[in-house]
Amino acid sequence: MSRCECAALSFQQIAALAERDGITEFELLCRKTGCASTCTACLPDLQAFLAARARTSPTTCATGSVS
């Protein structure tokens, strides 16, 4: 999976928004975008995508769990 269908955003768009707005907390990013909060199907893939980006770009949102 490479996008959140519920929020109609690709993972690239979500990561770009996190960088642009300086969002470093996964929960805040989810609240701001609506991702991983409706059906949650994208949650594991989005977390993995952001974690991989964080390893190569320290300014990218770190992953966390969503309650």
Protein backbone atom coordinates (compact mmCIF):
# COMPACT_ATOMS: atom_id res chain seq x y z
CA MET A 1 0.00 0.00 0.00
CA SER A 2 1.34 3.44 -0.86
CA ARG A 3 -1.54 5.73 0.02
CA CYS A 4 -4.33 6.35 2.48
CA GLU A 5 -7.52 5.85 0.48
CA CYS A 6 -9.73 7.34 3.21
CA ALA A 7 -7.82 10.64 3.23
CA ALA A 8 -7.01 10.42 -0.52
CA LEU A 9 -3.32 11.12 0.14
CA SER A 10 -0.24 9.26 -1.03
CA PHE A 11 2.41 8.43 1.54
CA GLN A 12 4.71 10.86 -0.32
CA GLN A 13 2.16 13.64 0.16
CA ILE A 14 1.81 12.79 3.85
CA ALA A 15 5.59 12.85 4.34
CA ALA A 16 5.87 16.15 2.46
CA LEU A 17 3.19 17.67 4.68
CA ALA A 18 5.03 16.47 7.80
CA GLU A 19 8.27 18.04 6.57
CA ARG A 20 6.61 21.27 5.46
CA ASP A 21 4.76 21.75 8.76
CA GLY A 22 7.56 20.41 10.99
CA ILE A 23 5.40 17.58 12.33
CA THR A 24 7.52 15.01 14.13
CA GLU A 25 4.84 13.04 16.01
CA PHE A 26 2.96 10.31 14.17
CA GLU A 27 -0.27 10.85 16.11
CA LEU A 28 -0.30 14.57 15.25
CA LEU A 29 0.33 13.79 11.59
CA CYS A 30 -2.61 11.39 11.59
CA ARG A 31 -4.89 13.94 13.25
CA LYS A 32 -3.86 16.67 10.79
CA THR A 33 -4.30 14.52 7.66
CA GLY A 34 -7.01 12.10 8.76
CA CYS A 35 -4.76 9.22 7.74
CA ALA A 36 -4.70 5.93 9.63
CA SER A 37 -7.75 6.92 11.63
CA THR A 38 -10.81 5.85 9.63
CA CYS A 39 -10.35 2.27 8.44
CA THR A 40 -6.68 2.04 9.61
CA ALA A 41 -5.74 -0.29 6.72
CA CYS A 42 -2.82 1.99 5.77
CA LEU A 43 -1.47 2.21 9.33
CA PRO A 44 1.26 -0.47 9.21
CA ASP A 45 2.43 0.51 5.73
CA LEU A 46 2.40 4.23 6.55
CA GLN A 47 4.42 3.61 9.72
CA ALA A 48 6.94 1.52 7.76
CA PHE A 49 7.18 4.14 5.01
CA LEU A 50 7.79 6.98 7.47
CA ALA A 51 10.29 4.90 9.47
CA ALA A 52 12.28 4.17 6.31
CA ARG A 53 12.27 7.87 5.42
CA ALA A 54 13.32 8.82 8.96
CA ARG A 55 16.38 6.58 8.65
CA THR A 56 17.50 8.55 5.58
CA SER A 57 16.16 11.99 6.57
CA PRO A 58 16.25 12.92 10.26
CA THR A 59 13.68 15.73 9.78
CA THR A 60 10.96 13.30 8.71
CA CYS A 61 8.16 12.35 11.07
CA ALA A 62 9.01 9.51 13.41
CA THR A 63 6.58 6.65 13.73
CA GLY A 64 4.51 5.85 16.72
CA SER A 65 1.34 4.06 17.57
CA VAL A 66 -2.12 5.45 17.14
CA SER A 67 -4.59 4.96 19.95
